[in-house]
């Protein structure tokens, strides 16, 4: 019998030029949503052309209140 590994809920997804976590709001990809993720969002709010690790959790190209509500 083959052993299977269980994947953590907060696995990282990597694609060319794209990185995100399955855990909504986990900007720093550490597996939890906490004050450090808020600080990333707050430091980048209202910034256009942002990615997941900058706080754009809705993937609309901007860090805004919609990302905060995630």
PDB file of N, CA and C in Angstrom:
ATOM      1  N   UNK A   1       0.826  -1.184   0.000  1.00  0.00           N
ATOM      2  CA  UNK A   1       0.000   0.000   0.000  1.00  0.00           C
ATOM      3  C   UNK A   1       0.870   1.247   0.000  1.00  0.00           C
ATOM      4  N   UNK A   2       0.458   2.221  -0.770  1.00  0.00           N
ATOM      5  CA  UNK A   2       1.167   3.488  -0.824  1.00  0.00           C
ATOM      6  C   UNK A   2       0.765   4.369   0.346  1.00  0.00           C
ATOM      7  N   UNK A   3       1.734   5.078   0.863  1.00  0.00           N
ATOM      8  CA  UNK A   3       1.430   6.066   1.887  1.00  0.00           C
ATOM      9  C   UNK A   3       1.093   7.375   1.186  1.00  0.00           C
ATOM     10  N   UNK A   4       0.097   8.051   1.666  1.00  0.00           N
ATOM     11  CA  UNK A   4      -0.261   9.337   1.092  1.00  0.00           C
ATOM     12  C   UNK A   4      -0.016  10.423   2.126  1.00  0.00           C
ATOM     13  N   UNK A   5       0.375  11.545   1.638  1.00  0.00           N
ATOM     14  CA  UNK A   5       0.589  12.687   2.515  1.00  0.00           C
ATOM     15  C   UNK A   5      -0.649  13.563   2.498  1.00  0.00           C
ATOM     16  N   UNK A   6      -1.005  14.028   3.657  1.00  0.00           N
ATOM     17  CA  UNK A   6      -2.120  14.958   3.742  1.00  0.00           C
ATOM     18  C   UNK A   6      -1.590  16.363   3.541  1.00  0.00           C
ATOM     19  N   UNK A   7      -2.248  17.107   2.689  1.00  0.00           N
ATOM     20  CA  UNK A   7      -1.828  18.484   2.436  1.00  0.00           C
ATOM     21  C   UNK A   7      -2.468  19.396   3.465  1.00  0.00           C
ATOM     22  N   UNK A   8      -1.704  20.336   3.946  1.00  0.00           N
ATOM     23  CA  UNK A   8      -2.224  21.320   4.886  1.00  0.00           C
ATOM     24  C   UNK A   8      -3.223  22.229   4.176  1.00  0.00           C
ATOM     25  N   UNK A   9      -4.171  22.755   4.922  1.00  0.00           N
ATOM     26  CA  UNK A   9      -5.169  23.651   4.350  1.00  0.00           C
ATOM     27  C   UNK A   9      -4.502  24.859   3.695  1.00  0.00           C
ATOM     28  N   UNK A  10      -3.451  25.333   4.298  1.00  0.00           N
ATOM     29  CA  UNK A  10      -2.799  26.544   3.810  1.00  0.00           C
ATOM     30  C   UNK A  10      -1.630  26.223   2.884  1.00  0.00           C
ATOM     31  N   UNK A  11      -1.870  25.422   1.878  1.00  0.00           N
ATOM     32  CA  UNK A  11      -0.781  25.100   0.956  1.00  0.00           C
ATOM     33  C   UNK A  11      -0.526  26.292   0.040  1.00  0.00           C
ATOM     34  N   UNK A  12       0.673  26.381  -0.437  1.00  0.00           N
ATOM     35  CA  UNK A  12       1.048  27.474  -1.328  1.00  0.00           C
ATOM     36  C   UNK A  12       0.858  27.046  -2.766  1.00  0.00           C
ATOM     37  N   UNK A  13       0.355  27.943  -3.559  1.00  0.00           N
ATOM     38  CA  UNK A  13       0.149  27.671  -4.976  1.00  0.00           C
ATOM     39  C   UNK A  13       1.104  28.565  -5.748  1.00  0.00           C
ATOM     40  N   UNK A  14       1.911  27.952  -6.591  1.00  0.00           N
ATOM     41  CA  UNK A  14       2.859  28.726  -7.385  1.00  0.00           C
ATOM     42  C   UNK A  14       2.578  28.511  -8.858  1.00  0.00           C
ATOM     43  N   UNK A  15       2.456  29.598  -9.548  1.00  0.00           N
ATOM     44  CA  UNK A  15       2.339  29.609 -10.995  1.00  0.00           C
ATOM     45  C   UNK A  15       3.286  30.698 -11.476  1.00  0.00           C
ATOM     46  N   UNK A  16       3.644  30.702 -12.733  1.00  0.00           N
ATOM     47  CA  UNK A  16       4.543  31.745 -13.225  1.00  0.00           C
ATOM     48  C   UNK A  16       4.023  33.148 -12.880  1.00  0.00           C
ATOM     49  N   UNK A  17       4.788  33.884 -12.093  1.00  0.00           N
ATOM     50  CA  UNK A  17       4.423  35.247 -11.723  1.00  0.00           C
ATOM     51  C   UNK A  17       3.287  35.365 -10.738  1.00  0.00           C
ATOM     52  N   UNK A  18       2.898  34.267 -10.096  1.00  0.00           N
ATOM     53  CA  UNK A  18       1.733  34.290  -9.217  1.00  0.00           C
ATOM     54  C   UNK A  18       1.990  33.413  -8.013  1.00  0.00           C
ATOM     55  N   UNK A  19       1.687  33.909  -6.847  1.00  0.00           N
ATOM     56  CA  UNK A  19       1.828  33.107  -5.639  1.00  0.00           C
ATOM     57  C   UNK A  19       0.707  33.478  -4.691  1.00  0.00           C
ATOM     58  N   UNK A  20       0.049  32.500  -4.140  1.00  0.00           N
ATOM     59  CA  UNK A  20      -0.997  32.761  -3.166  1.00  0.00           C
ATOM     60  C   UNK A  20      -1.157  31.554  -2.250  1.00  0.00           C
ATOM     61  N   UNK A  21      -1.913  31.745  -1.210  1.00  0.00           N
ATOM     62  CA  UNK A  21      -2.202  30.694  -0.253  1.00  0.00           C
ATOM     63  C   UNK A  21      -3.674  30.322  -0.378  1.00  0.00           C
ATOM     64  N   UNK A  22      -4.031  29.124   0.014  1.00  0.00           N
ATOM     65  CA  UNK A  22      -5.444  28.746   0.038  1.00  0.00           C
ATOM     66  C   UNK A  22      -6.157  29.353   1.240  1.00  0.00           C
ATOM     67  N   UNK A  23      -5.427  29.941   2.154  1.00  0.00           N
ATOM     68  CA  UNK A  23      -6.015  30.551   3.339  1.00  0.00           C
ATOM     69  C   UNK A  23      -6.265  32.036   3.062  1.00  0.00           C
ATOM     70  N   UNK A  24      -7.519  32.447   2.901  1.00  0.00           N
ATOM     71  CA  UNK A  24      -7.816  33.848   2.578  1.00  0.00           C
ATOM     72  C   UNK A  24      -7.224  34.798   3.616  1.00  0.00           C
ATOM     73  N   UNK A  25      -6.517  35.811   3.138  1.00  0.00           N
ATOM     74  CA  UNK A  25      -5.931  36.810   4.018  1.00  0.00           C
ATOM     75  C   UNK A  25      -4.521  36.504   4.487  1.00  0.00           C
ATOM     76  N   UNK A  26      -3.962  35.364   4.097  1.00  0.00           N
ATOM     77  CA  UNK A  26      -2.614  34.980   4.528  1.00  0.00           C
ATOM     78  C   UNK A  26      -1.581  35.574   3.571  1.00  0.00           C
ATOM     79  N   UNK A  27      -1.293  36.864   3.734  1.00  0.00           N
ATOM     80  CA  UNK A  27      -0.403  37.585   2.818  1.00  0.00           C
ATOM     81  C   UNK A  27       1.035  37.085   2.872  1.00  0.00           C
ATOM     82  N   UNK A  28       1.516  36.735   4.057  1.00  0.00           N
ATOM     83  CA  UNK A  28       2.918  36.317   4.183  1.00  0.00           C
ATOM     84  C   UNK A  28       3.106  34.811   4.059  1.00  0.00           C
ATOM     85  N   UNK A  29       2.035  34.092   3.751  1.00  0.00           N
ATOM     86  CA  UNK A  29       2.080  32.656   3.453  1.00  0.00           C
ATOM     87  C   UNK A  29       2.681  31.811   4.581  1.00  0.00           C
ATOM     88  N   UNK A  30       2.373  32.195   5.837  1.00  0.00           N
ATOM     89  CA  UNK A  30       2.899  31.432   6.967  1.00  0.00           C
ATOM     90  C   UNK A  30       1.879  30.455   7.551  1.00  0.00           C
ATOM     91  N   UNK A  31       0.701  30.365   6.938  1.00  0.00           N
ATOM     92  CA  UNK A  31      -0.293  29.397   7.381  1.00  0.00           C
ATOM     93  C   UNK A  31      -1.288  29.934   8.391  1.00  0.00           C
ATOM     94  N   UNK A  32      -1.218  31.216   8.719  1.00  0.00           N
ATOM     95  CA  UNK A  32      -2.194  31.804   9.634  1.00  0.00           C
ATOM     96  C   UNK A  32      -2.462  33.248   9.223  1.00  0.00           C
ATOM     97  N   UNK A  33      -3.633  33.726   9.602  1.00  0.00           N
ATOM     98  CA  UNK A  33      -3.993  35.115   9.339  1.00  0.00           C
ATOM     99  C   UNK A  33      -3.914  35.847  10.667  1.00  0.00           C
ATOM    100  N   UNK A  34      -3.005  36.813  10.741  1.00  0.00           N
ATOM    101  CA  UNK A  34      -2.762  37.501  12.000  1.00  0.00           C
ATOM    102  C   UNK A  34      -2.342  38.947  11.754  1.00  0.00           C
ATOM    103  N   UNK A  35      -1.806  39.587  12.778  1.00  0.00           N
ATOM    104  CA  UNK A  35      -1.437  40.998  12.689  1.00  0.00           C
ATOM    105  C   UNK A  35      -0.394  41.264  11.610  1.00  0.00           C
ATOM    106  N   UNK A  36       0.504  40.336  11.381  1.00  0.00           N
ATOM    107  CA  UNK A  36       1.522  40.558  10.345  1.00  0.00           C
ATOM    108  C   UNK A  36       0.880  40.624   8.955  1.00  0.00           C
ATOM    109  N   UNK A  37      -0.180  39.856   8.721  1.00  0.00           N
ATOM    110  CA  UNK A  37      -0.894  39.926   7.443  1.00  0.00           C
ATOM    111  C   UNK A  37      -1.636  41.258   7.325  1.00  0.00           C
ATOM    112  N   UNK A  38      -2.216  41.726   8.432  1.00  0.00           N
ATOM    113  CA  UNK A  38      -2.858  43.043   8.426  1.00  0.00           C
ATOM    114  C   UNK A  38      -1.837  44.120   8.108  1.00  0.00           C
ATOM    115  N   UNK A  39      -0.655  44.024   8.686  1.00  0.00           N
ATOM    116  CA  UNK A  39       0.378  45.025   8.432  1.00  0.00           C
ATOM    117  C   UNK A  39       0.790  45.062   6.962  1.00  0.00           C
ATOM    118  N   UNK A  40       0.828  43.903   6.317  1.00  0.00           N
ATOM    119  CA  UNK A  40       1.127  43.855   4.876  1.00  0.00           C
ATOM    120  C   UNK A  40       0.023  44.573   4.115  1.00  0.00           C
ATOM    121  N   UNK A  41      -1.235  44.239   4.434  1.00  0.00           N
ATOM    122  CA  UNK A  41      -2.359  44.896   3.764  1.00  0.00           C
ATOM    123  C   UNK A  41      -2.314  46.398   4.000  1.00  0.00           C
ATOM    124  N   UNK A  42      -2.121  46.814   5.245  1.00  0.00           N
ATOM    125  CA  UNK A  42      -2.132  48.231   5.599  1.00  0.00           C
ATOM    126  C   UNK A  42      -1.000  49.003   4.922  1.00  0.00           C
ATOM    127  N   UNK A  43       0.146  48.384   4.789  1.00  0.00           N
ATOM    128  CA  UNK A  43       1.291  49.036   4.144  1.00  0.00           C
ATOM    129  C   UNK A  43       1.079  49.238   2.645  1.00  0.00           C
ATOM    130  N   UNK A  44       0.206  48.426   2.054  1.00  0.00           N
ATOM    131  CA  UNK A  44       0.012  48.464   0.607  1.00  0.00           C
ATOM    132  C   UNK A  44      -1.374  48.939   0.180  1.00  0.00           C
ATOM    133  N   UNK A  45      -2.212  49.354   1.132  1.00  0.00           N
ATOM    134  CA  UNK A  45      -3.590  49.700   0.756  1.00  0.00           C
ATOM    135  C   UNK A  45      -3.616  50.857  -0.241  1.00  0.00           C
ATOM    136  N   UNK A  46      -4.561  50.750  -1.137  1.00  0.00           N
ATOM    137  CA  UNK A  46      -4.784  51.685  -2.239  1.00  0.00           C
ATOM    138  C   UNK A  46      -3.663  51.656  -3.272  1.00  0.00           C
ATOM    139  N   UNK A  47      -2.823  50.649  -3.200  1.00  0.00           N
ATOM    140  CA  UNK A  47      -1.751  50.493  -4.191  1.00  0.00           C
ATOM    141  C   UNK A  47      -2.304  49.735  -5.405  1.00  0.00           C
ATOM    142  N   UNK A  48      -2.124  50.275  -6.598  1.00  0.00           N
ATOM    143  CA  UNK A  48      -2.562  49.541  -7.796  1.00  0.00           C
ATOM    144  C   UNK A  48      -1.528  48.492  -8.203  1.00  0.00           C
ATOM    145  N   UNK A  49      -1.919  47.585  -9.030  1.00  0.00           N
ATOM    146  CA  UNK A  49      -1.028  46.548  -9.568  1.00  0.00           C
ATOM    147  C   UNK A  49      -0.327  45.735  -8.484  1.00  0.00           C
ATOM    148  N   UNK A  50      -1.061  45.358  -7.460  1.00  0.00           N
ATOM    149  CA  UNK A  50      -0.506  44.573  -6.359  1.00  0.00           C
ATOM    150  C   UNK A  50      -0.830  43.101  -6.560  1.00  0.00           C
ATOM    151  N   UNK A  51      -0.104  42.259  -5.877  1.00  0.00           N
ATOM    152  CA  UNK A  51      -0.354  40.820  -5.910  1.00  0.00           C
ATOM    153  C   UNK A  51      -0.771  40.307  -4.550  1.00  0.00           C
ATOM    154  N   UNK A  52      -0.941  38.995  -4.460  1.00  0.00           N
ATOM    155  CA  UNK A  52      -1.383  38.349  -3.222  1.00  0.00           C
ATOM    156  C   UNK A  52      -0.507  38.730  -2.034  1.00  0.00           C
ATOM    157  N   UNK A  53       0.799  38.655  -2.190  1.00  0.00           N
ATOM    158  CA  UNK A  53       1.723  38.910  -1.075  1.00  0.00           C
ATOM    159  C   UNK A  53       1.786  40.389  -0.701  1.00  0.00           C
ATOM    160  N   UNK A  54       1.110  41.236  -1.462  1.00  0.00           N
ATOM    161  CA  UNK A  54       1.004  42.650  -1.117  1.00  0.00           C
ATOM    162  C   UNK A  54      -0.358  42.986  -0.525  1.00  0.00           C
ATOM    163  N   UNK A  55      -1.235  41.994  -0.430  1.00  0.00           N
ATOM    164  CA  UNK A  55      -2.548  42.202   0.182  1.00  0.00           C
ATOM    165  C   UNK A  55      -3.716  42.219  -0.772  1.00  0.00           C
ATOM    166  N   UNK A  56      -3.504  41.928  -2.054  1.00  0.00           N
ATOM    167  CA  UNK A  56      -4.605  41.879  -3.023  1.00  0.00           C
ATOM    168  C   UNK A  56      -5.220  40.480  -3.019  1.00  0.00           C
ATOM    169  N   UNK A  57      -6.090  40.221  -2.041  1.00  0.00           N
ATOM    170  CA  UNK A  57      -6.674  38.890  -1.869  1.00  0.00           C
ATOM    171  C   UNK A  57      -7.844  38.616  -2.804  1.00  0.00           C
ATOM    172  N   UNK A  58      -8.379  39.660  -3.437  1.00  0.00           N
ATOM    173  CA  UNK A  58      -9.479  39.479  -4.380  1.00  0.00           C
ATOM    174  C   UNK A  58      -8.988  39.389  -5.822  1.00  0.00           C
ATOM    175  N   UNK A  59      -7.690  39.555  -6.026  1.00  0.00           N
ATOM    176  CA  UNK A  59      -7.067  39.463  -7.354  1.00  0.00           C
ATOM    177  C   UNK A  59      -7.673  40.430  -8.361  1.00  0.00           C
ATOM    178  N   UNK A  60      -8.056  41.620  -7.875  1.00  0.00           N
ATOM    179  CA  UNK A  60      -8.592  42.627  -8.787  1.00  0.00           C
ATOM    180  C   UNK A  60      -7.550  43.668  -9.179  1.00  0.00           C
ATOM    181  N   UNK A  61      -6.314  43.463  -8.746  1.00  0.00           N
ATOM    182  CA  UNK A  61      -5.221  44.357  -9.142  1.00  0.00           C
ATOM    183  C   UNK A  61      -5.003  45.544  -8.221  1.00  0.00           C
ATOM    184  N   UNK A  62      -5.753  45.630  -7.136  1.00  0.00           N
ATOM    185  CA  UNK A  62      -5.594  46.744  -6.208  1.00  0.00           C
ATOM    186  C   UNK A  62      -5.804  46.256  -4.779  1.00  0.00           C
ATOM    187  N   UNK A  63      -5.119  46.890  -3.856  1.00  0.00           N
ATOM    188  CA  UNK A  63      -5.296  46.586  -2.429  1.00  0.00           C
ATOM    189  C   UNK A  63      -6.296  47.606  -1.889  1.00  0.00           C
ATOM    190  N   UNK A  64      -7.471  47.122  -1.488  1.00  0.00           N
ATOM    191  CA  UNK A  64      -8.525  48.019  -1.054  1.00  0.00           C
ATOM    192  C   UNK A  64      -9.365  47.386   0.042  1.00  0.00           C
ATOM    193  N   UNK A  65     -10.492  48.026   0.348  1.00  0.00           N
ATOM    194  CA  UNK A  65     -11.354  47.540   1.426  1.00  0.00           C
ATOM    195  C   UNK A  65     -11.902  46.147   1.130  1.00  0.00           C
ATOM    196  N   UNK A  66     -12.083  45.805  -0.122  1.00  0.00           N
ATOM    197  CA  UNK A  66     -12.532  44.457  -0.471  1.00  0.00           C
ATOM    198  C   UNK A  66     -11.559  43.390  -0.013  1.00  0.00           C
ATOM    199  N   UNK A  67     -10.283  43.694  -0.072  1.00  0.00           N
ATOM    200  CA  UNK A  67      -9.261  42.755   0.399  1.00  0.00           C
ATOM    201  C   UNK A  67      -9.257  42.671   1.923  1.00  0.00           C
ATOM    202  N   UNK A  68      -9.498  43.802   2.574  1.00  0.00           N
ATOM    203  CA  UNK A  68      -9.570  43.820   4.037  1.00  0.00           C
ATOM    204  C   UNK A  68     -10.728  42.952   4.529  1.00  0.00           C
ATOM    205  N   UNK A  69     -11.854  42.976   3.821  1.00  0.00           N
ATOM    206  CA  UNK A  69     -13.038  42.220   4.229  1.00  0.00           C
ATOM    207  C   UNK A  69     -12.899  40.719   4.045  1.00  0.00           C
ATOM    208  N   UNK A  70     -11.877  40.282   3.318  1.00  0.00           N
ATOM    209  CA  UNK A  70     -11.649  38.849   3.143  1.00  0.00           C
ATOM    210  C   UNK A  70     -11.359  38.272   4.498  1.00  0.00           C
TER     211      UNK A  70
END
